[in-house]
């Protein structure tokens, strides 16, 4: 009799657990939408750089969080997108506050990302990956130029030497330095973004404010928020 009861109990529990397991498998524990953002779209999707650029008529800011394979021959443009100025100086307080909040989050993420890359296992991985590039440059006839531990910077990579830049790019492609460096940077960036999931979700809600554009604020608003008249 006991065996019959146990058998029925097991059957009932199994019937209950199967759909529950299916729900758990199909529903992630957290949103983590940033994990699916392509490397070249981090600035636009996470920090709304494209919306800021459209509103202010500038190049998109925050390009330092766009992960690309290193290009020593034609490096990407500087981080500064030329935004701000008169457009932002006369914008509504709501717009200025939104851009300020986005910029603060961006700066925090970049600082934490830099610390992560320069410490512990990530720093060791960076050195090991860089060594493959330097060994290739050694074979190509380039040697260390500056003081300190061997590094692409101490070899003069990025200094504007065309011959060295071309050799570094070829070595990067041949050794896989570029793809490994990009993979590490994207992985660590998304790790840092994961610490700020709630802030990222808050920033996403600011997009309608940016899309309304740089509407002029009233004199009372400018006085209240300490903006120039």
C-alpha atoms as a PDB file:
ATOM      1  CA  UNK A   1       0.000   0.000   0.000  1.00  0.00           C
ATOM      2  CA  UNK A   2       2.828   2.348   0.919  1.00  0.00           C
ATOM      3  CA  UNK A   3       4.534   1.644  -2.368  1.00  0.00           C
ATOM      4  CA  UNK A   4       1.364   2.631  -4.195  1.00  0.00           C
ATOM      5  CA  UNK A   5       1.153   5.947  -2.356  1.00  0.00           C
ATOM      6  CA  UNK A   6       4.834   6.728  -3.003  1.00  0.00           C
ATOM      7  CA  UNK A   7       4.384   5.878  -6.641  1.00  0.00           C
ATOM      8  CA  UNK A   8       1.423   8.201  -7.000  1.00  0.00           C
ATOM      9  CA  UNK A   9       3.270  10.950  -5.117  1.00  0.00           C
ATOM     10  CA  UNK A  10       6.263  10.656  -7.442  1.00  0.00           C
ATOM     11  CA  UNK A  11       4.001  10.794 -10.468  1.00  0.00           C
ATOM     12  CA  UNK A  12       2.260  13.945  -9.216  1.00  0.00           C
ATOM     13  CA  UNK A  13       5.549  15.679  -8.349  1.00  0.00           C
ATOM     14  CA  UNK A  14       6.984  14.788 -11.739  1.00  0.00           C
ATOM     15  CA  UNK A  15       3.934  16.191 -13.482  1.00  0.00           C
ATOM     16  CA  UNK A  16       4.310  19.438 -11.540  1.00  0.00           C
ATOM     17  CA  UNK A  17       8.070  19.784 -12.008  1.00  0.00           C
ATOM     18  CA  UNK A  18       8.106  19.253 -15.774  1.00  0.00           C
ATOM     19  CA  UNK A  19       6.231  22.472 -16.666  1.00  0.00           C
ATOM     20  CA  UNK A  20       8.080  24.383 -13.930  1.00  0.00           C
ATOM     21  CA  UNK A  21      11.418  23.295 -15.372  1.00  0.00           C
ATOM     22  CA  UNK A  22      10.273  24.374 -18.802  1.00  0.00           C
ATOM     23  CA  UNK A  23       9.387  27.843 -17.495  1.00  0.00           C
ATOM     24  CA  UNK A  24      12.726  28.180 -15.753  1.00  0.00           C
ATOM     25  CA  UNK A  25      14.589  27.240 -18.902  1.00  0.00           C
ATOM     26  CA  UNK A  26      12.673  29.661 -21.101  1.00  0.00           C
ATOM     27  CA  UNK A  27      12.714  32.674 -18.755  1.00  0.00           C
ATOM     28  CA  UNK A  28      16.135  34.153 -17.923  1.00  0.00           C
ATOM     29  CA  UNK A  29      16.837  35.085 -14.326  1.00  0.00           C
ATOM     30  CA  UNK A  30      17.538  38.663 -15.345  1.00  0.00           C
ATOM     31  CA  UNK A  31      17.088  40.892 -18.390  1.00  0.00           C
ATOM     32  CA  UNK A  32      20.759  41.270 -19.350  1.00  0.00           C
ATOM     33  CA  UNK A  33      19.830  42.866 -22.671  1.00  0.00           C
ATOM     34  CA  UNK A  34      23.322  44.392 -22.936  1.00  0.00           C
ATOM     35  CA  UNK A  35      24.755  40.893 -23.438  1.00  0.00           C
ATOM     36  CA  UNK A  36      23.232  40.732 -26.918  1.00  0.00           C
ATOM     37  CA  UNK A  37      24.398  44.171 -28.070  1.00  0.00           C
ATOM     38  CA  UNK A  38      26.890  43.950 -30.983  1.00  0.00           C
ATOM     39  CA  UNK A  39      30.352  45.306 -30.217  1.00  0.00           C
ATOM     40  CA  UNK A  40      29.955  48.226 -32.632  1.00  0.00           C
ATOM     41  CA  UNK A  41      26.572  49.240 -31.189  1.00  0.00           C
ATOM     42  CA  UNK A  42      27.382  49.517 -27.469  1.00  0.00           C
ATOM     43  CA  UNK A  43      27.558  53.328 -27.541  1.00  0.00           C
ATOM     44  CA  UNK A  44      24.222  53.637 -29.353  1.00  0.00           C
ATOM     45  CA  UNK A  45      22.254  50.888 -27.606  1.00  0.00           C
ATOM     46  CA  UNK A  46      23.510  51.362 -24.053  1.00  0.00           C
ATOM     47  CA  UNK A  47      24.444  55.056 -23.866  1.00  0.00           C
ATOM     48  CA  UNK A  48      22.063  56.370 -26.560  1.00  0.00           C
ATOM     49  CA  UNK A  49      24.888  58.069 -28.450  1.00  0.00           C
ATOM     50  CA  UNK A  50      22.955  58.021 -31.724  1.00  0.00           C
ATOM     51  CA  UNK A  51      19.978  59.806 -30.136  1.00  0.00           C
ATOM     52  CA  UNK A  52      22.256  62.499 -28.661  1.00  0.00           C
ATOM     53  CA  UNK A  53      23.968  62.980 -32.024  1.00  0.00           C
ATOM     54  CA  UNK A  54      20.645  63.302 -33.834  1.00  0.00           C
ATOM     55  CA  UNK A  55      19.351  65.842 -31.319  1.00  0.00           C
ATOM     56  CA  UNK A  56      22.479  68.003 -31.265  1.00  0.00           C
ATOM     57  CA  UNK A  57      23.699  67.605 -34.839  1.00  0.00           C
ATOM     58  CA  UNK A  58      27.072  66.178 -33.839  1.00  0.00           C
ATOM     59  CA  UNK A  59      29.064  63.009 -34.292  1.00  0.00           C
ATOM     60  CA  UNK A  60      27.961  60.307 -31.832  1.00  0.00           C
ATOM     61  CA  UNK A  61      29.839  60.523 -28.517  1.00  0.00           C
ATOM     62  CA  UNK A  62      31.172  57.699 -26.324  1.00  0.00           C
ATOM     63  CA  UNK A  63      33.132  55.986 -29.093  1.00  0.00           C
ATOM     64  CA  UNK A  64      35.548  54.613 -26.476  1.00  0.00           C
ATOM     65  CA  UNK A  65      33.025  51.894 -25.610  1.00  0.00           C
ATOM     66  CA  UNK A  66      32.784  50.688 -29.214  1.00  0.00           C
ATOM     67  CA  UNK A  67      34.958  47.574 -29.388  1.00  0.00           C
ATOM     68  CA  UNK A  68      36.824  47.076 -32.650  1.00  0.00           C
ATOM     69  CA  UNK A  69      39.780  45.001 -33.724  1.00  0.00           C
ATOM     70  CA  UNK A  70      42.902  47.186 -33.436  1.00  0.00           C
ATOM     71  CA  UNK A  71      43.635  49.157 -36.600  1.00  0.00           C
ATOM     72  CA  UNK A  72      47.160  50.533 -36.442  1.00  0.00           C
ATOM     73  CA  UNK A  73      47.104  51.979 -39.962  1.00  0.00           C
ATOM     74  CA  UNK A  74      43.837  53.916 -39.711  1.00  0.00           C
ATOM     75  CA  UNK A  75      42.917  54.310 -36.033  1.00  0.00           C
ATOM     76  CA  UNK A  76      39.346  55.311 -35.144  1.00  0.00           C
ATOM     77  CA  UNK A  77      38.520  58.986 -34.532  1.00  0.00           C
ATOM     78  CA  UNK A  78      38.901  60.559 -31.118  1.00  0.00           C
ATOM     79  CA  UNK A  79      36.296  59.954 -28.433  1.00  0.00           C
ATOM     80  CA  UNK A  80      34.983  63.544 -28.468  1.00  0.00           C
ATOM     81  CA  UNK A  81      31.980  63.690 -30.771  1.00  0.00           C
ATOM     82  CA  UNK A  82      31.793  67.490 -30.750  1.00  0.00           C
ATOM     83  CA  UNK A  83      28.452  67.442 -28.919  1.00  0.00           C
ATOM     84  CA  UNK A  84      27.244  70.061 -26.472  1.00  0.00           C
ATOM     85  CA  UNK A  85      27.854  73.723 -27.199  1.00  0.00           C
ATOM     86  CA  UNK A  86      24.992  76.045 -28.096  1.00  0.00           C
ATOM     87  CA  UNK A  87      22.514  73.215 -28.709  1.00  0.00           C
ATOM     88  CA  UNK A  88      22.835  71.905 -25.177  1.00  0.00           C
ATOM     89  CA  UNK A  89      23.288  75.322 -23.568  1.00  0.00           C
ATOM     90  CA  UNK A  90      19.788  76.342 -24.603  1.00  0.00           C
ATOM     91  CA  UNK A  91      18.119  72.942 -24.210  1.00  0.00           C
ATOM     92  CA  UNK A  92      15.386  72.116 -21.726  1.00  0.00           C
ATOM     93  CA  UNK A  93      16.419  71.074 -18.236  1.00  0.00           C
ATOM     94  CA  UNK A  94      14.925  67.657 -18.919  1.00  0.00           C
ATOM     95  CA  UNK A  95      17.226  67.107 -21.886  1.00  0.00           C
ATOM     96  CA  UNK A  96      20.329  68.408 -20.088  1.00  0.00           C
ATOM     97  CA  UNK A  97      19.587  66.218 -17.074  1.00  0.00           C
ATOM     98  CA  UNK A  98      19.179  63.136 -19.286  1.00  0.00           C
ATOM     99  CA  UNK A  99      22.500  63.683 -21.070  1.00  0.00           C
ATOM    100  CA  UNK A 100      24.215  64.339 -17.737  1.00  0.00           C
ATOM    101  CA  UNK A 101      22.942  61.072 -16.272  1.00  0.00           C
ATOM    102  CA  UNK A 102      24.041  59.134 -19.336  1.00  0.00           C
ATOM    103  CA  UNK A 103      27.493  60.731 -19.261  1.00  0.00           C
ATOM    104  CA  UNK A 104      27.968  59.926 -15.573  1.00  0.00           C
ATOM    105  CA  UNK A 105      27.151  56.260 -16.166  1.00  0.00           C
ATOM    106  CA  UNK A 106      29.457  56.151 -19.184  1.00  0.00           C
ATOM    107  CA  UNK A 107      32.353  57.602 -17.193  1.00  0.00           C
ATOM    108  CA  UNK A 108      31.855  55.157 -14.326  1.00  0.00           C
ATOM    109  CA  UNK A 109      31.775  52.184 -16.699  1.00  0.00           C
ATOM    110  CA  UNK A 110      34.921  53.287 -18.532  1.00  0.00           C
ATOM    111  CA  UNK A 111      36.847  53.779 -15.273  1.00  0.00           C
ATOM    112  CA  UNK A 112      35.838  50.368 -13.938  1.00  0.00           C
ATOM    113  CA  UNK A 113      36.623  48.740 -17.287  1.00  0.00           C
ATOM    114  CA  UNK A 114      40.124  50.260 -17.315  1.00  0.00           C
ATOM    115  CA  UNK A 115      40.790  49.031 -13.763  1.00  0.00           C
ATOM    116  CA  UNK A 116      39.614  45.523 -14.678  1.00  0.00           C
ATOM    117  CA  UNK A 117      41.851  45.348 -17.749  1.00  0.00           C
ATOM    118  CA  UNK A 118      44.874  46.527 -15.765  1.00  0.00           C
ATOM    119  CA  UNK A 119      44.578  44.086 -12.878  1.00  0.00           C
ATOM    120  CA  UNK A 120      44.867  40.393 -12.114  1.00  0.00           C
ATOM    121  CA  UNK A 121      44.222  37.755 -14.772  1.00  0.00           C
ATOM    122  CA  UNK A 122      43.055  40.309 -17.346  1.00  0.00           C
ATOM    123  CA  UNK A 123      46.368  42.187 -17.156  1.00  0.00           C
ATOM    124  CA  UNK A 124      48.238  38.901 -17.521  1.00  0.00           C
ATOM    125  CA  UNK A 125      46.146  37.996 -20.561  1.00  0.00           C
ATOM    126  CA  UNK A 126      46.821  41.419 -22.093  1.00  0.00           C
ATOM    127  CA  UNK A 127      50.578  40.958 -21.626  1.00  0.00           C
ATOM    128  CA  UNK A 128      50.515  37.452 -23.089  1.00  0.00           C
ATOM    129  CA  UNK A 129      48.500  38.574 -26.106  1.00  0.00           C
ATOM    130  CA  UNK A 130      50.766  41.588 -26.598  1.00  0.00           C
ATOM    131  CA  UNK A 131      53.849  39.371 -26.492  1.00  0.00           C
ATOM    132  CA  UNK A 132      52.706  37.596 -29.659  1.00  0.00           C
ATOM    133  CA  UNK A 133      52.544  40.940 -31.452  1.00  0.00           C
ATOM    134  CA  UNK A 134      55.971  42.028 -30.188  1.00  0.00           C
ATOM    135  CA  UNK A 135      57.650  38.757 -31.170  1.00  0.00           C
ATOM    136  CA  UNK A 136      56.275  39.221 -34.661  1.00  0.00           C
ATOM    137  CA  UNK A 137      57.599  42.793 -34.765  1.00  0.00           C
ATOM    138  CA  UNK A 138      61.005  41.520 -33.596  1.00  0.00           C
ATOM    139  CA  UNK A 139      61.071  39.123 -36.530  1.00  0.00           C
ATOM    140  CA  UNK A 140      60.157  42.008 -38.832  1.00  0.00           C
ATOM    141  CA  UNK A 141      63.181  43.988 -37.610  1.00  0.00           C
ATOM    142  CA  UNK A 142      61.522  46.361 -35.117  1.00  0.00           C
ATOM    143  CA  UNK A 143      62.798  46.676 -31.558  1.00  0.00           C
ATOM    144  CA  UNK A 144      61.793  48.370 -28.339  1.00  0.00           C
ATOM    145  CA  UNK A 145      62.277  52.134 -28.451  1.00  0.00           C
ATOM    146  CA  UNK A 146      61.077  53.372 -25.081  1.00  0.00           C
ATOM    147  CA  UNK A 147      61.783  52.517 -21.424  1.00  0.00           C
ATOM    148  CA  UNK A 148      59.840  50.076 -19.293  1.00  0.00           C
ATOM    149  CA  UNK A 149      58.522  46.605 -19.896  1.00  0.00           C
ATOM    150  CA  UNK A 150      58.055  45.536 -23.511  1.00  0.00           C
ATOM    151  CA  UNK A 151      54.672  46.651 -24.816  1.00  0.00           C
ATOM    152  CA  UNK A 152      53.208  47.891 -28.094  1.00  0.00           C
ATOM    153  CA  UNK A 153      53.579  51.439 -26.736  1.00  0.00           C
ATOM    154  CA  UNK A 154      57.252  50.992 -25.811  1.00  0.00           C
ATOM    155  CA  UNK A 155      57.857  49.655 -29.330  1.00  0.00           C
ATOM    156  CA  UNK A 156      56.376  52.870 -30.702  1.00  0.00           C
ATOM    157  CA  UNK A 157      53.169  51.376 -32.033  1.00  0.00           C
ATOM    158  CA  UNK A 158      50.698  54.218 -32.510  1.00  0.00           C
ATOM    159  CA  UNK A 159      53.405  56.871 -32.741  1.00  0.00           C
ATOM    160  CA  UNK A 160      52.680  57.640 -36.380  1.00  0.00           C
ATOM    161  CA  UNK A 161      55.586  55.682 -37.913  1.00  0.00           C
ATOM    162  CA  UNK A 162      54.001  54.432 -41.130  1.00  0.00           C
ATOM    163  CA  UNK A 163      56.375  51.480 -41.593  1.00  0.00           C
ATOM    164  CA  UNK A 164      55.857  50.351 -37.990  1.00  0.00           C
ATOM    165  CA  UNK A 165      52.093  50.817 -38.233  1.00  0.00           C
ATOM    166  CA  UNK A 166      51.920  48.677 -41.366  1.00  0.00           C
ATOM    167  CA  UNK A 167      54.092  45.978 -39.783  1.00  0.00           C
ATOM    168  CA  UNK A 168      52.000  46.018 -36.598  1.00  0.00           C
ATOM    169  CA  UNK A 169      48.807  45.624 -38.597  1.00  0.00           C
ATOM    170  CA  UNK A 170      50.208  42.713 -40.550  1.00  0.00           C
ATOM    171  CA  UNK A 171      51.462  41.063 -37.355  1.00  0.00           C
ATOM    172  CA  UNK A 172      48.106  41.654 -35.688  1.00  0.00           C
ATOM    173  CA  UNK A 173      46.301  39.891 -38.521  1.00  0.00           C
ATOM    174  CA  UNK A 174      48.788  37.035 -38.768  1.00  0.00           C
ATOM    175  CA  UNK A 175      49.045  36.206 -35.060  1.00  0.00           C
ATOM    176  CA  UNK A 176      45.415  36.713 -34.122  1.00  0.00           C
ATOM    177  CA  UNK A 177      46.392  39.548 -31.770  1.00  0.00           C
ATOM    178  CA  UNK A 178      43.600  41.750 -33.070  1.00  0.00           C
ATOM    179  CA  UNK A 179      40.781  39.250 -32.703  1.00  0.00           C
ATOM    180  CA  UNK A 180      41.936  38.103 -29.238  1.00  0.00           C
ATOM    181  CA  UNK A 181      42.289  41.679 -28.022  1.00  0.00           C
ATOM    182  CA  UNK A 182      38.820  42.613 -29.290  1.00  0.00           C
ATOM    183  CA  UNK A 183      37.292  39.493 -27.718  1.00  0.00           C
ATOM    184  CA  UNK A 184      38.869  40.264 -24.348  1.00  0.00           C
ATOM    185  CA  UNK A 185      37.806  43.892 -24.398  1.00  0.00           C
ATOM    186  CA  UNK A 186      34.213  43.036 -25.288  1.00  0.00           C
ATOM    187  CA  UNK A 187      34.016  40.308 -22.655  1.00  0.00           C
ATOM    188  CA  UNK A 188      35.355  42.565 -19.910  1.00  0.00           C
ATOM    189  CA  UNK A 189      33.180  45.502 -20.986  1.00  0.00           C
ATOM    190  CA  UNK A 190      30.048  43.388 -20.767  1.00  0.00           C
ATOM    191  CA  UNK A 191      31.194  42.140 -17.391  1.00  0.00           C
ATOM    192  CA  UNK A 192      31.379  45.731 -16.139  1.00  0.00           C
ATOM    193  CA  UNK A 193      28.033  46.579 -17.734  1.00  0.00           C
ATOM    194  CA  UNK A 194      26.572  43.687 -15.794  1.00  0.00           C
ATOM    195  CA  UNK A 195      27.345  45.501 -12.553  1.00  0.00           C
ATOM    196  CA  UNK A 196      25.171  48.392 -13.675  1.00  0.00           C
ATOM    197  CA  UNK A 197      22.113  46.636 -15.049  1.00  0.00           C
ATOM    198  CA  UNK A 198      19.617  48.747 -13.102  1.00  0.00           C
ATOM    199  CA  UNK A 199      21.284  51.991 -14.206  1.00  0.00           C
ATOM    200  CA  UNK A 200      21.302  50.769 -17.818  1.00  0.00           C
ATOM    201  CA  UNK A 201      17.582  50.076 -17.618  1.00  0.00           C
ATOM    202  CA  UNK A 202      17.035  53.577 -16.209  1.00  0.00           C
ATOM    203  CA  UNK A 203      19.049  55.125 -19.041  1.00  0.00           C
ATOM    204  CA  UNK A 204      16.993  53.258 -21.643  1.00  0.00           C
ATOM    205  CA  UNK A 205      13.888  55.061 -20.366  1.00  0.00           C
ATOM    206  CA  UNK A 206      15.481  58.411 -21.225  1.00  0.00           C
ATOM    207  CA  UNK A 207      15.431  57.787 -24.974  1.00  0.00           C
ATOM    208  CA  UNK A 208      12.062  59.545 -25.542  1.00  0.00           C
ATOM    209  CA  UNK A 209      13.498  62.650 -23.838  1.00  0.00           C
ATOM    210  CA  UNK A 210      16.414  62.685 -26.269  1.00  0.00           C
ATOM    211  CA  UNK A 211      14.223  61.966 -29.266  1.00  0.00           C
ATOM    212  CA  UNK A 212      12.098  65.023 -28.492  1.00  0.00           C
ATOM    213  CA  UNK A 213      15.227  66.986 -29.279  1.00  0.00           C
ATOM    214  CA  UNK A 214      16.874  70.000 -27.734  1.00  0.00           C
ATOM    215  CA  UNK A 215      13.752  71.998 -26.976  1.00  0.00           C
ATOM    216  CA  UNK A 216      14.527  75.389 -25.413  1.00  0.00           C
ATOM    217  CA  UNK A 217      13.819  75.655 -21.703  1.00  0.00           C
ATOM    218  CA  UNK A 218      11.935  78.478 -20.038  1.00  0.00           C
ATOM    219  CA  UNK A 219      13.690  81.165 -18.011  1.00  0.00           C
ATOM    220  CA  UNK A 220      12.278  79.740 -14.790  1.00  0.00           C
ATOM    221  CA  UNK A 221      13.606  76.273 -15.607  1.00  0.00           C
ATOM    222  CA  UNK A 222      17.041  77.648 -16.409  1.00  0.00           C
ATOM    223  CA  UNK A 223      17.195  79.508 -13.101  1.00  0.00           C
ATOM    224  CA  UNK A 224      15.963  76.466 -11.167  1.00  0.00           C
ATOM    225  CA  UNK A 225      18.594  74.140 -12.607  1.00  0.00           C
ATOM    226  CA  UNK A 226      21.461  76.634 -12.669  1.00  0.00           C
ATOM    227  CA  UNK A 227      21.692  76.767 -16.469  1.00  0.00           C
ATOM    228  CA  UNK A 228      23.018  79.825 -18.330  1.00  0.00           C
ATOM    229  CA  UNK A 229      20.294  82.326 -19.316  1.00  0.00           C
END
